[in-house]
Amino acid sequence: MLKLFWLDFEAGRRHGFPMGVGITAEDETDAVDLAKTRLFASGKFPTAYRIKIIPDLDTLGQNHVRPNIGHYLRRGIWFPTGYDNNWSP
């Protein structure tokens, strides 16, 4: 069963993702693997990060994150958009 995850990087080392990353994956390991291959394919994945399950989309930032998410019902990166190979509008 797929779950929604939020990946956040250590302050001061956001690596171009200041608000964090939204990922749909099977588990935490799968979510981190997706981030490594789709966000950091050409670079080193940061070691300082936090990942948590998102219990409800209403817990996301309603002014920026929520209105700008991609397809979150299938496995992949849905925030920020543009990193999911399978996404189409």
PDB file of N, CA and C in Angstrom:
ATOM      1  N   MET A   1       0.834  -1.184   0.000  1.00  0.00           N
ATOM      2  CA  MET A   1       0.000   0.000   0.000  1.00  0.00           C
ATOM      3  C   MET A   1       0.881   1.251   0.000  1.00  0.00           C
ATOM      4  N   LEU A   2       0.574   2.162  -0.873  1.00  0.00           N
ATOM      5  CA  LEU A   2       1.336   3.404  -0.975  1.00  0.00           C
ATOM      6  C   LEU A   2       0.960   4.372   0.141  1.00  0.00           C
ATOM      7  N   LYS A   3       1.961   5.134   0.576  1.00  0.00           N
ATOM      8  CA  LYS A   3       1.765   6.143   1.626  1.00  0.00           C
ATOM      9  C   LYS A   3       2.365   7.462   1.158  1.00  0.00           C
ATOM     10  N   LEU A   4       1.883   8.542   1.733  1.00  0.00           N
ATOM     11  CA  LEU A   4       2.421   9.873   1.446  1.00  0.00           C
ATOM     12  C   LEU A   4       3.497  10.207   2.469  1.00  0.00           C
ATOM     13  N   PHE A   5       4.635  10.712   1.973  1.00  0.00           N
ATOM     14  CA  PHE A   5       5.750  11.095   2.843  1.00  0.00           C
ATOM     15  C   PHE A   5       6.165  12.525   2.560  1.00  0.00           C
ATOM     16  N   TRP A   6       6.720  13.172   3.580  1.00  0.00           N
ATOM     17  CA  TRP A   6       7.308  14.492   3.434  1.00  0.00           C
ATOM     18  C   TRP A   6       8.767  14.388   3.843  1.00  0.00           C
ATOM     19  N   LEU A   7       9.648  14.789   2.929  1.00  0.00           N
ATOM     20  CA  LEU A   7      11.090  14.755   3.154  1.00  0.00           C
ATOM     21  C   LEU A   7      11.562  16.187   3.325  1.00  0.00           C
ATOM     22  N   ASP A   8      12.267  16.443   4.416  1.00  0.00           N
ATOM     23  CA  ASP A   8      12.747  17.790   4.702  1.00  0.00           C
ATOM     24  C   ASP A   8      14.234  17.715   5.022  1.00  0.00           C
ATOM     25  N   PHE A   9      14.979  18.686   4.533  1.00  0.00           N
ATOM     26  CA  PHE A   9      16.419  18.711   4.737  1.00  0.00           C
ATOM     27  C   PHE A   9      16.789  19.692   5.832  1.00  0.00           C
ATOM     28  N   GLU A  10      17.932  19.496   6.408  1.00  0.00           N
ATOM     29  CA  GLU A  10      18.443  20.317   7.493  1.00  0.00           C
ATOM     30  C   GLU A  10      18.488  21.791   7.087  1.00  0.00           C
ATOM     31  N   ALA A  11      18.080  22.660   7.998  1.00  0.00           N
ATOM     32  CA  ALA A  11      18.109  24.104   7.736  1.00  0.00           C
ATOM     33  C   ALA A  11      19.511  24.525   7.335  1.00  0.00           C
ATOM     34  N   GLY A  12      19.593  25.396   6.336  1.00  0.00           N
ATOM     35  CA  GLY A  12      20.872  25.856   5.836  1.00  0.00           C
ATOM     36  C   GLY A  12      21.463  24.928   4.782  1.00  0.00           C
ATOM     37  N   ARG A  13      20.854  23.759   4.624  1.00  0.00           N
ATOM     38  CA  ARG A  13      21.314  22.785   3.623  1.00  0.00           C
ATOM     39  C   ARG A  13      20.108  22.200   2.911  1.00  0.00           C
ATOM     40  N   ARG A  14      19.291  23.056   2.377  1.00  0.00           N
ATOM     41  CA  ARG A  14      18.038  22.625   1.754  1.00  0.00           C
ATOM     42  C   ARG A  14      18.226  22.059   0.350  1.00  0.00           C
ATOM     43  N   HIS A  15      19.400  22.240  -0.241  1.00  0.00           N
ATOM     44  CA  HIS A  15      19.736  21.638  -1.533  1.00  0.00           C
ATOM     45  C   HIS A  15      18.751  21.977  -2.648  1.00  0.00           C
ATOM     46  N   GLY A  16      18.229  23.205  -2.626  1.00  0.00           N
ATOM     47  CA  GLY A  16      17.302  23.634  -3.674  1.00  0.00           C
ATOM     48  C   GLY A  16      15.859  23.258  -3.413  1.00  0.00           C
ATOM     49  N   PHE A  17      15.564  22.724  -2.237  1.00  0.00           N
ATOM     50  CA  PHE A  17      14.201  22.326  -1.876  1.00  0.00           C
ATOM     51  C   PHE A  17      13.835  22.950  -0.529  1.00  0.00           C
ATOM     52  N   PRO A  18      13.649  24.279  -0.509  1.00  0.00           N
ATOM     53  CA  PRO A  18      13.447  24.981   0.757  1.00  0.00           C
ATOM     54  C   PRO A  18      12.178  24.600   1.508  1.00  0.00           C
ATOM     55  N   MET A  19      11.170  24.117   0.796  1.00  0.00           N
ATOM     56  CA  MET A  19       9.915  23.776   1.458  1.00  0.00           C
ATOM     57  C   MET A  19       9.818  22.283   1.760  1.00  0.00           C
ATOM     58  N   GLY A  20      10.714  21.499   1.221  1.00  0.00           N
ATOM     59  CA  GLY A  20      10.668  20.057   1.400  1.00  0.00           C
ATOM     60  C   GLY A  20      10.206  19.374   0.123  1.00  0.00           C
ATOM     61  N   VAL A  21      10.007  18.063   0.231  1.00  0.00           N
ATOM     62  CA  VAL A  21       9.664  17.241  -0.927  1.00  0.00           C
ATOM     63  C   VAL A  21       8.521  16.300  -0.551  1.00  0.00           C
ATOM     64  N   GLY A  22       7.499  16.244  -1.404  1.00  0.00           N
ATOM     65  CA  GLY A  22       6.379  15.324  -1.211  1.00  0.00           C
ATOM     66  C   GLY A  22       6.556  14.100  -2.089  1.00  0.00           C
ATOM     67  N   ILE A  23       6.445  12.914  -1.480  1.00  0.00           N
ATOM     68  CA  ILE A  23       6.701  11.664  -2.183  1.00  0.00           C
ATOM     69  C   ILE A  23       5.623  10.644  -1.829  1.00  0.00           C
ATOM     70  N   THR A  24       5.143   9.920  -2.821  1.00  0.00           N
ATOM     71  CA  THR A  24       4.279   8.778  -2.575  1.00  0.00           C
ATOM     72  C   THR A  24       5.120   7.533  -2.804  1.00  0.00           C
ATOM     73  N   ALA A  25       5.163   6.658  -1.791  1.00  0.00           N
ATOM     74  CA  ALA A  25       6.024   5.480  -1.871  1.00  0.00           C
ATOM     75  C   ALA A  25       5.460   4.357  -1.003  1.00  0.00           C
ATOM     76  N   GLU A  26       6.077   3.186  -1.131  1.00  0.00           N
ATOM     77  CA  GLU A  26       5.641   2.023  -0.358  1.00  0.00           C
ATOM     78  C   GLU A  26       6.046   2.131   1.102  1.00  0.00           C
ATOM     79  N   ASP A  27       7.232   2.675   1.365  1.00  0.00           N
ATOM     80  CA  ASP A  27       7.733   2.837   2.731  1.00  0.00           C
ATOM     81  C   ASP A  27       8.817   3.918   2.725  1.00  0.00           C
ATOM     82  N   GLU A  28       9.413   4.182   3.890  1.00  0.00           N
ATOM     83  CA  GLU A  28      10.424   5.239   3.982  1.00  0.00           C
ATOM     84  C   GLU A  28      11.633   4.959   3.093  1.00  0.00           C
ATOM     85  N   THR A  29      12.062   3.719   3.035  1.00  0.00           N
ATOM     86  CA  THR A  29      13.212   3.359   2.208  1.00  0.00           C
ATOM     87  C   THR A  29      12.919   3.636   0.737  1.00  0.00           C
ATOM     88  N   ASP A  30      11.734   3.268   0.298  1.00  0.00           N
ATOM     89  CA  ASP A  30      11.334   3.519  -1.084  1.00  0.00           C
ATOM     90  C   ASP A  30      11.275   5.018  -1.361  1.00  0.00           C
ATOM     91  N   ALA A  31      10.762   5.797  -0.413  1.00  0.00           N
ATOM     92  CA  ALA A  31      10.678   7.251  -0.585  1.00  0.00           C
ATOM     93  C   ALA A  31      12.070   7.871  -0.726  1.00  0.00           C
ATOM     94  N   VAL A  32      12.997   7.456   0.120  1.00  0.00           N
ATOM     95  CA  VAL A  32      14.361   7.980   0.037  1.00  0.00           C
ATOM     96  C   VAL A  32      15.017   7.548  -1.274  1.00  0.00           C
ATOM     97  N   ASP A  33      14.786   6.315  -1.697  1.00  0.00           N
ATOM     98  CA  ASP A  33      15.337   5.849  -2.976  1.00  0.00           C
ATOM     99  C   ASP A  33      14.807   6.678  -4.148  1.00  0.00           C
ATOM    100  N   LEU A  34      13.515   7.006  -4.126  1.00  0.00           N
ATOM    101  CA  LEU A  34      12.945   7.858  -5.171  1.00  0.00           C
ATOM    102  C   LEU A  34      13.615   9.229  -5.175  1.00  0.00           C
ATOM    103  N   ALA A  35      13.809   9.801  -3.987  1.00  0.00           N
ATOM    104  CA  ALA A  35      14.465  11.109  -3.893  1.00  0.00           C
ATOM    105  C   ALA A  35      15.893  11.029  -4.419  1.00  0.00           C
ATOM    106  N   LYS A  36      16.600   9.975  -4.068  1.00  0.00           N
ATOM    107  CA  LYS A  36      17.988   9.825  -4.528  1.00  0.00           C
ATOM    108  C   LYS A  36      18.062   9.748  -6.047  1.00  0.00           C
ATOM    109  N   THR A  37      17.189   8.969  -6.655  1.00  0.00           N
ATOM    110  CA  THR A  37      17.285   8.756  -8.103  1.00  0.00           C
ATOM    111  C   THR A  37      16.675   9.878  -8.929  1.00  0.00           C
ATOM    112  N   ARG A  38      15.657  10.550  -8.410  1.00  0.00           N
ATOM    113  CA  ARG A  38      14.982  11.577  -9.214  1.00  0.00           C
ATOM    114  C   ARG A  38      15.396  13.001  -8.884  1.00  0.00           C
ATOM    115  N   LEU A  39      15.819  13.241  -7.647  1.00  0.00           N
ATOM    116  CA  LEU A  39      16.203  14.601  -7.260  1.00  0.00           C
ATOM    117  C   LEU A  39      17.712  14.795  -7.242  1.00  0.00           C
ATOM    118  N   PHE A  40      18.444  13.743  -6.927  1.00  0.00           N
ATOM    119  CA  PHE A  40      19.890  13.852  -6.753  1.00  0.00           C
ATOM    120  C   PHE A  40      20.638  12.855  -7.628  1.00  0.00           C
ATOM    121  N   ALA A  41      20.126  12.580  -8.802  1.00  0.00           N
ATOM    122  CA  ALA A  41      20.737  11.591  -9.691  1.00  0.00           C
ATOM    123  C   ALA A  41      22.177  11.951 -10.054  1.00  0.00           C
ATOM    124  N   SER A  42      22.464  13.226 -10.149  1.00  0.00           N
ATOM    125  CA  SER A  42      23.805  13.641 -10.559  1.00  0.00           C
ATOM    126  C   SER A  42      24.666  14.107  -9.378  1.00  0.00           C
ATOM    127  N   GLY A  43      24.140  13.995  -8.173  1.00  0.00           N
ATOM    128  CA  GLY A  43      24.894  14.464  -7.019  1.00  0.00           C
ATOM    129  C   GLY A  43      24.725  13.553  -5.820  1.00  0.00           C
ATOM    130  N   LYS A  44      25.328  13.960  -4.738  1.00  0.00           N
ATOM    131  CA  LYS A  44      25.301  13.167  -3.510  1.00  0.00           C
ATOM    132  C   LYS A  44      24.058  13.505  -2.694  1.00  0.00           C
ATOM    133  N   PHE A  45      23.350  12.476  -2.264  1.00  0.00           N
ATOM    134  CA  PHE A  45      22.161  12.667  -1.439  1.00  0.00           C
ATOM    135  C   PHE A  45      22.582  13.134  -0.045  1.00  0.00           C
ATOM    136  N   PRO A  46      21.914  14.170   0.491  1.00  0.00           N
ATOM    137  CA  PRO A  46      22.279  14.687   1.816  1.00  0.00           C
ATOM    138  C   PRO A  46      22.045  13.643   2.916  1.00  0.00           C
ATOM    139  N   THR A  47      22.909  13.648   3.898  1.00  0.00           N
ATOM    140  CA  THR A  47      22.743  12.710   5.009  1.00  0.00           C
ATOM    141  C   THR A  47      21.858  13.283   6.110  1.00  0.00           C
ATOM    142  N   ALA A  48      21.707  14.603   6.154  1.00  0.00           N
ATOM    143  CA  ALA A  48      20.884  15.237   7.187  1.00  0.00           C
ATOM    144  C   ALA A  48      19.500  15.540   6.628  1.00  0.00           C
ATOM    145  N   TYR A  49      18.548  14.680   6.954  1.00  0.00           N
ATOM    146  CA  TYR A  49      17.173  14.869   6.499  1.00  0.00           C
ATOM    147  C   TYR A  49      16.201  14.253   7.511  1.00  0.00           C
ATOM    148  N   ARG A  50      14.942  14.651   7.390  1.00  0.00           N
ATOM    149  CA  ARG A  50      13.853  14.072   8.184  1.00  0.00           C
ATOM    150  C   ARG A  50      12.789  13.609   7.207  1.00  0.00           C
ATOM    151  N   ILE A  51      12.172  12.496   7.525  1.00  0.00           N
ATOM    152  CA  ILE A  51      11.075  12.013   6.693  1.00  0.00           C
ATOM    153  C   ILE A  51       9.942  11.582   7.610  1.00  0.00           C
ATOM    154  N   LYS A  52       8.724  11.930   7.211  1.00  0.00           N
ATOM    155  CA  LYS A  52       7.564  11.543   8.020  1.00  0.00           C
ATOM    156  C   LYS A  52       6.400  11.205   7.108  1.00  0.00           C
ATOM    157  N   ILE A  53       5.497  10.410   7.633  1.00  0.00           N
ATOM    158  CA  ILE A  53       4.268  10.085   6.912  1.00  0.00           C
ATOM    159  C   ILE A  53       3.330  11.273   7.019  1.00  0.00           C
ATOM    160  N   ILE A  54       2.671  11.606   5.932  1.00  0.00           N
ATOM    161  CA  ILE A  54       1.674  12.678   5.927  1.00  0.00           C
ATOM    162  C   ILE A  54       0.321  12.030   6.179  1.00  0.00           C
ATOM    163  N   PRO A  55      -0.300  12.326   7.310  1.00  0.00           N
ATOM    164  CA  PRO A  55      -1.577  11.692   7.625  1.00  0.00           C
ATOM    165  C   PRO A  55      -2.748  12.231   6.799  1.00  0.00           C
ATOM    166  N   ASP A  56      -2.610  13.472   6.344  1.00  0.00           N
ATOM    167  CA  ASP A  56      -3.717  14.132   5.654  1.00  0.00           C
ATOM    168  C   ASP A  56      -3.150  15.289   4.831  1.00  0.00           C
ATOM    169  N   LEU A  57      -3.617  15.447   3.612  1.00  0.00           N
ATOM    170  CA  LEU A  57      -3.118  16.547   2.762  1.00  0.00           C
ATOM    171  C   LEU A  57      -3.404  17.918   3.359  1.00  0.00           C
ATOM    172  N   ASP A  58      -4.376  18.010   4.241  1.00  0.00           N
ATOM    173  CA  ASP A  58      -4.680  19.294   4.871  1.00  0.00           C
ATOM    174  C   ASP A  58      -3.579  19.747   5.822  1.00  0.00           C
ATOM    175  N   THR A  59      -2.645  18.856   6.160  1.00  0.00           N
ATOM    176  CA  THR A  59      -1.531  19.248   7.028  1.00  0.00           C
ATOM    177  C   THR A  59      -0.432  19.965   6.252  1.00  0.00           C
ATOM    178  N   LEU A  60      -0.525  19.976   4.939  1.00  0.00           N
ATOM    179  CA  LEU A  60       0.472  20.648   4.103  1.00  0.00           C
ATOM    180  C   LEU A  60       0.207  22.150   4.048  1.00  0.00           C
ATOM    181  N   GLY A  61       1.218  22.918   3.689  1.00  0.00           N
ATOM    182  CA  GLY A  61       1.064  24.364   3.556  1.00  0.00           C
ATOM    183  C   GLY A  61      -0.040  24.706   2.571  1.00  0.00           C
ATOM    184  N   GLN A  62      -1.086  25.324   3.044  1.00  0.00           N
ATOM    185  CA  GLN A  62      -2.264  25.601   2.227  1.00  0.00           C
ATOM    186  C   GLN A  62      -2.071  26.756   1.249  1.00  0.00           C
ATOM    187  N   ASN A  63      -1.076  27.609   1.493  1.00  0.00           N
ATOM    188  CA  ASN A  63      -0.871  28.760   0.606  1.00  0.00           C
ATOM    189  C   ASN A  63       0.057  28.473  -0.557  1.00  0.00           C
ATOM    190  N   HIS A  64       0.957  27.501  -0.406  1.00  0.00           N
ATOM    191  CA  HIS A  64       1.874  27.234  -1.510  1.00  0.00           C
ATOM    192  C   HIS A  64       1.961  25.748  -1.871  1.00  0.00           C
ATOM    193  N   VAL A  65       2.172  24.902  -0.900  1.00  0.00           N
ATOM    194  CA  VAL A  65       2.364  23.481  -1.202  1.00  0.00           C
ATOM    195  C   VAL A  65       1.099  22.865  -1.764  1.00  0.00           C
ATOM    196  N   ARG A  66       0.021  22.945  -1.042  1.00  0.00           N
ATOM    197  CA  ARG A  66      -1.222  22.267  -1.435  1.00  0.00           C
ATOM    198  C   ARG A  66      -1.710  22.651  -2.837  1.00  0.00           C
ATOM    199  N   PRO A  67      -1.719  23.935  -3.199  1.00  0.00           N
ATOM    200  CA  PRO A  67      -2.189  24.278  -4.546  1.00  0.00           C
ATOM    201  C   PRO A  67      -1.214  23.902  -5.671  1.00  0.00           C
ATOM    202  N   ASN A  68      -0.010  23.478  -5.324  1.00  0.00           N
ATOM    203  CA  ASN A  68       1.009  23.218  -6.341  1.00  0.00           C
ATOM    204  C   ASN A  68       1.517  21.782  -6.353  1.00  0.00           C
ATOM    205  N   ILE A  69       0.711  20.854  -5.889  1.00  0.00           N
ATOM    206  CA  ILE A  69       1.154  19.463  -5.894  1.00  0.00           C
ATOM    207  C   ILE A  69       0.780  18.778  -7.200  1.00  0.00           C
ATOM    208  N   GLY A  70       1.566  17.776  -7.535  1.00  0.00           N
ATOM    209  CA  GLY A  70       1.289  16.957  -8.711  1.00  0.00           C
ATOM    210  C   GLY A  70       0.419  15.773  -8.319  1.00  0.00           C
ATOM    211  N   HIS A  71       0.482  14.729  -9.084  1.00  0.00           N
ATOM    212  CA  HIS A  71      -0.338  13.532  -8.878  1.00  0.00           C
ATOM    213  C   HIS A  71       0.206  12.736  -7.688  1.00  0.00           C
ATOM    214  N   TYR A  72      -0.515  12.739  -6.595  1.00  0.00           N
ATOM    215  CA  TYR A  72      -0.046  12.094  -5.369  1.00  0.00           C
ATOM    216  C   TYR A  72      -0.632  10.696  -5.154  1.00  0.00           C
ATOM    217  N   LEU A  73      -1.479  10.228  -6.039  1.00  0.00           N
ATOM    218  CA  LEU A  73      -2.113   8.925  -5.848  1.00  0.00           C
ATOM    219  C   LEU A  73      -1.306   7.770  -6.432  1.00  0.00           C
ATOM    220  N   ARG A  74      -0.186   8.063  -7.077  1.00  0.00           N
ATOM    221  CA  ARG A  74       0.674   6.987  -7.566  1.00  0.00           C
ATOM    222  C   ARG A  74       2.112   7.259  -7.114  1.00  0.00           C
ATOM    223  N   ARG A  75       2.909   6.245  -7.153  1.00  0.00           N
ATOM    224  CA  ARG A  75       4.282   6.296  -6.664  1.00  0.00           C
ATOM    225  C   ARG A  75       5.080   7.356  -7.430  1.00  0.00           C
ATOM    226  N   GLY A  76       5.736   8.235  -6.687  1.00  0.00           N
ATOM    227  CA  GLY A  76       6.567   9.250  -7.309  1.00  0.00           C
ATOM    228  C   GLY A  76       6.682  10.523  -6.493  1.00  0.00           C
ATOM    229  N   ILE A  77       7.361  11.499  -7.071  1.00  0.00           N
ATOM    230  CA  ILE A  77       7.553  12.823  -6.468  1.00  0.00           C
ATOM    231  C   ILE A  77       6.395  13.714  -6.911  1.00  0.00           C
ATOM    232  N   TRP A  78       5.664  14.293  -5.987  1.00  0.00           N
ATOM    233  CA  TRP A  78       4.542  15.159  -6.349  1.00  0.00           C
ATOM    234  C   TRP A  78       4.727  16.606  -5.884  1.00  0.00           C
ATOM    235  N   PHE A  79       5.725  16.878  -5.085  1.00  0.00           N
ATOM    236  CA  PHE A  79       6.072  18.254  -4.741  1.00  0.00           C
ATOM    237  C   PHE A  79       7.565  18.328  -4.489  1.00  0.00           C
ATOM    238  N   PRO A  80       8.236  19.223  -5.154  1.00  0.00           N
ATOM    239  CA  PRO A  80       7.759  20.065  -6.235  1.00  0.00           C
ATOM    240  C   PRO A  80       7.509  19.242  -7.501  1.00  0.00           C
ATOM    241  N   THR A  81       6.713  19.785  -8.362  1.00  0.00           N
ATOM    242  CA  THR A  81       6.404  19.080  -9.599  1.00  0.00           C
ATOM    243  C   THR A  81       7.605  19.139 -10.555  1.00  0.00           C
ATOM    244  N   GLY A  82       7.584  18.251 -11.532  1.00  0.00           N
ATOM    245  CA  GLY A  82       8.640  18.236 -12.526  1.00  0.00           C
ATOM    246  C   GLY A  82       9.683  17.154 -12.311  1.00  0.00           C
ATOM    247  N   TYR A  83       9.576  16.405 -11.216  1.00  0.00           N
ATOM    248  CA  TYR A  83      10.554  15.359 -10.931  1.00  0.00           C
ATOM    249  C   TYR A  83       9.973  13.959 -11.068  1.00  0.00           C
ATOM    250  N   ASP A  84       8.716  13.858 -11.455  1.00  0.00           N
ATOM    251  CA  ASP A  84       8.088  12.557 -11.608  1.00  0.00           C
ATOM    252  C   ASP A  84       8.015  12.207 -13.080  1.00  0.00           C
ATOM    253  N   ASN A  85       8.710  11.184 -13.483  1.00  0.00           N
ATOM    254  CA  ASN A  85       8.764  10.772 -14.895  1.00  0.00           C
ATOM    255  C   ASN A  85       7.408  10.367 -15.437  1.00  0.00           C
ATOM    256  N   ASN A  86       6.510   9.898 -14.587  1.00  0.00           N
ATOM    257  CA  ASN A  86       5.230   9.351 -15.046  1.00  0.00           C
ATOM    258  C   ASN A  86       4.077  10.348 -14.984  1.00  0.00           C
ATOM    259  N   TRP A  87       4.339  11.557 -14.500  1.00  0.00           N
ATOM    260  CA  TRP A  87       3.251  12.493 -14.288  1.00  0.00           C
ATOM    261  C   TRP A  87       2.876  13.199 -15.576  1.00  0.00           C
ATOM    262  N   SER A  88       1.582  13.361 -15.788  1.00  0.00           N
ATOM    263  CA  SER A  88       1.101  14.185 -16.900  1.00  0.00           C
ATOM    264  C   SER A  88      -0.168  14.875 -16.451  1.00  0.00           C
ATOM    265  N   PRO A  89      -0.407  16.095 -16.894  1.00  0.00           N
ATOM    266  CA  PRO A  89      -1.580  16.855 -16.436  1.00  0.00           C
ATOM    267  C   PRO A  89      -2.892  16.242 -16.915  1.00  0.00           C
TER     268      PRO A  89
END
